[in-house]
Amino acid sequence: MALLIDDSCINCDMCEPECPNQAIALGEEIYEIDPDRCTECVGHYDKPTCVSVCPIDCIDPDPNHVESNDELLVKFAVLTQKTE
């Protein structure tokens, strides 16, 4: 499942540069995660790097975007596919 950043985010800028899928961007008020690009780092790392670096633990699973590990791997493959 994709992750989401809750409204306790303090905009510390720690998560955005850590995302290998470029799924995190500054929204109107806080950082936001694009569920179409978030793979929870499946295919890149053992665990989500944004969660690892967040100093206030404001990144949680997104209940509106539930995906299995296999679905996340497919998304990873599509996102990292090189076009020729």
C-alpha atoms as a PDB file:
ATOM      1  CA  MET A   1       0.000   0.000   0.000  1.00  0.00           C
ATOM      2  CA  ALA A   2       1.129   3.516  -0.553  1.00  0.00           C
ATOM      3  CA  LEU A   3       2.113   5.707   2.358  1.00  0.00           C
ATOM      4  CA  LEU A   4       0.763   9.082   3.402  1.00  0.00           C
ATOM      5  CA  ILE A   5       2.054  11.956   5.463  1.00  0.00           C
ATOM      6  CA  ASP A   6      -0.326  13.130   8.165  1.00  0.00           C
ATOM      7  CA  ASP A   7      -0.957  16.727   9.180  1.00  0.00           C
ATOM      8  CA  SER A   8       1.556  16.584  12.039  1.00  0.00           C
ATOM      9  CA  CYS A   9       4.316  16.967   9.405  1.00  0.00           C
ATOM     10  CA  ILE A  10       6.712  19.792  10.320  1.00  0.00           C
ATOM     11  CA  ASN A  11       8.147  20.185   6.780  1.00  0.00           C
ATOM     12  CA  CYS A  12      11.625  19.232   7.926  1.00  0.00           C
ATOM     13  CA  ASP A  13      12.656  18.278   4.357  1.00  0.00           C
ATOM     14  CA  MET A  14      14.067  14.907   5.425  1.00  0.00           C
ATOM     15  CA  CYS A  15      11.759  12.601   3.444  1.00  0.00           C
ATOM     16  CA  GLU A  16      11.656  14.166  -0.021  1.00  0.00           C
ATOM     17  CA  PRO A  17      15.297  13.632  -1.045  1.00  0.00           C
ATOM     18  CA  GLU A  18      15.252  10.052   0.310  1.00  0.00           C
ATOM     19  CA  CYS A  19      12.429   8.826  -1.949  1.00  0.00           C
ATOM     20  CA  PRO A  20      13.859   6.715  -4.804  1.00  0.00           C
ATOM     21  CA  ASN A  21      10.594   7.046  -6.771  1.00  0.00           C
ATOM     22  CA  GLN A  22      10.263  10.818  -6.485  1.00  0.00           C
ATOM     23  CA  ALA A  23       6.846  10.262  -4.918  1.00  0.00           C
ATOM     24  CA  ILE A  24       7.213  12.966  -2.252  1.00  0.00           C
ATOM     25  CA  ALA A  25       6.706  16.654  -2.939  1.00  0.00           C
ATOM     26  CA  LEU A  26       5.785  19.735  -0.955  1.00  0.00           C
ATOM     27  CA  GLY A  27       2.051  20.299  -1.107  1.00  0.00           C
ATOM     28  CA  GLU A  28       0.112  23.415  -0.153  1.00  0.00           C
ATOM     29  CA  GLU A  29       0.912  23.056   3.537  1.00  0.00           C
ATOM     30  CA  ILE A  30       2.886  19.856   4.120  1.00  0.00           C
ATOM     31  CA  TYR A  31       4.755  17.229   2.163  1.00  0.00           C
ATOM     32  CA  GLU A  32       2.554  14.798   0.251  1.00  0.00           C
ATOM     33  CA  ILE A  33       3.110  11.339  -1.211  1.00  0.00           C
ATOM     34  CA  ASP A  34       1.862  10.498  -4.709  1.00  0.00           C
ATOM     35  CA  PRO A  35       0.249   7.051  -4.312  1.00  0.00           C
ATOM     36  CA  ASP A  36       0.854   6.302  -8.001  1.00  0.00           C
ATOM     37  CA  ARG A  37       4.616   6.569  -7.433  1.00  0.00           C
ATOM     38  CA  CYS A  38       4.932   5.175  -3.891  1.00  0.00           C
ATOM     39  CA  THR A  39       6.099   1.554  -3.665  1.00  0.00           C
ATOM     40  CA  GLU A  40       7.050   1.738   0.033  1.00  0.00           C
ATOM     41  CA  CYS A  41      10.581   1.384  -1.378  1.00  0.00           C
ATOM     42  CA  VAL A  42       9.813  -2.180  -2.527  1.00  0.00           C
ATOM     43  CA  GLY A  43      12.408  -2.971  -5.187  1.00  0.00           C
ATOM     44  CA  HIS A  44      14.834  -0.418  -3.770  1.00  0.00           C
ATOM     45  CA  TYR A  45      15.210  -1.011  -0.019  1.00  0.00           C
ATOM     46  CA  ASP A  46      14.063  -3.354   2.741  1.00  0.00           C
ATOM     47  CA  LYS A  47      11.865  -0.686   4.332  1.00  0.00           C
ATOM     48  CA  PRO A  48      10.541   2.751   3.383  1.00  0.00           C
ATOM     49  CA  THR A  49      13.340   5.290   3.693  1.00  0.00           C
ATOM     50  CA  CYS A  50      10.942   8.159   4.332  1.00  0.00           C
ATOM     51  CA  VAL A  51       9.672   6.396   7.449  1.00  0.00           C
ATOM     52  CA  SER A  52      13.248   5.750   8.574  1.00  0.00           C
ATOM     53  CA  VAL A  53      14.283   9.405   8.354  1.00  0.00           C
ATOM     54  CA  CYS A  54      11.081  11.048   9.629  1.00  0.00           C
ATOM     55  CA  PRO A  55      11.875  12.599  13.030  1.00  0.00           C
ATOM     56  CA  ILE A  56       8.247  12.759  14.193  1.00  0.00           C
ATOM     57  CA  ASP A  57       6.773   9.517  12.790  1.00  0.00           C
ATOM     58  CA  CYS A  58       4.088  11.188  10.675  1.00  0.00           C
ATOM     59  CA  ILE A  59       4.218   8.735   7.749  1.00  0.00           C
ATOM     60  CA  ASP A  60       1.628   5.967   7.837  1.00  0.00           C
ATOM     61  CA  PRO A  61       0.066   3.387   5.499  1.00  0.00           C
ATOM     62  CA  ASP A  62      -2.589   4.938   3.260  1.00  0.00           C
ATOM     63  CA  PRO A  63      -5.822   2.972   3.827  1.00  0.00           C
ATOM     64  CA  ASN A  64      -7.192   4.318   0.535  1.00  0.00           C
ATOM     65  CA  HIS A  65      -4.380   2.737  -1.489  1.00  0.00           C
ATOM     66  CA  VAL A  66      -3.960  -0.838  -0.272  1.00  0.00           C
ATOM     67  CA  GLU A  67      -1.562  -2.898  -2.418  1.00  0.00           C
ATOM     68  CA  SER A  68       0.092  -6.269  -1.979  1.00  0.00           C
ATOM     69  CA  ASN A  69       3.855  -6.730  -2.126  1.00  0.00           C
ATOM     70  CA  ASP A  70       3.425  -8.237  -5.611  1.00  0.00           C
ATOM     71  CA  GLU A  71       1.474  -5.179  -6.771  1.00  0.00           C
ATOM     72  CA  LEU A  72       4.181  -2.908  -5.357  1.00  0.00           C
ATOM     73  CA  LEU A  73       6.824  -4.900  -7.269  1.00  0.00           C
ATOM     74  CA  VAL A  74       4.866  -4.448 -10.506  1.00  0.00           C
ATOM     75  CA  LYS A  75       4.600  -0.703  -9.836  1.00  0.00           C
ATOM     76  CA  PHE A  76       8.365  -0.620  -9.154  1.00  0.00           C
ATOM     77  CA  ALA A  77       9.035  -2.383 -12.475  1.00  0.00           C
ATOM     78  CA  VAL A  78       6.859   0.101 -14.382  1.00  0.00           C
ATOM     79  CA  LEU A  79       8.424   3.120 -12.664  1.00  0.00           C
ATOM     80  CA  THR A  80      11.976   1.948 -13.307  1.00  0.00           C
ATOM     81  CA  GLN A  81      11.414   0.690 -16.842  1.00  0.00           C
ATOM     82  CA  LYS A  82      13.778   2.379 -19.251  1.00  0.00           C
ATOM     83  CA  THR A  83      12.256   3.671 -22.466  1.00  0.00           C
ATOM     84  CA  GLU A  84      14.291   3.309 -25.620  1.00  0.00           C
END
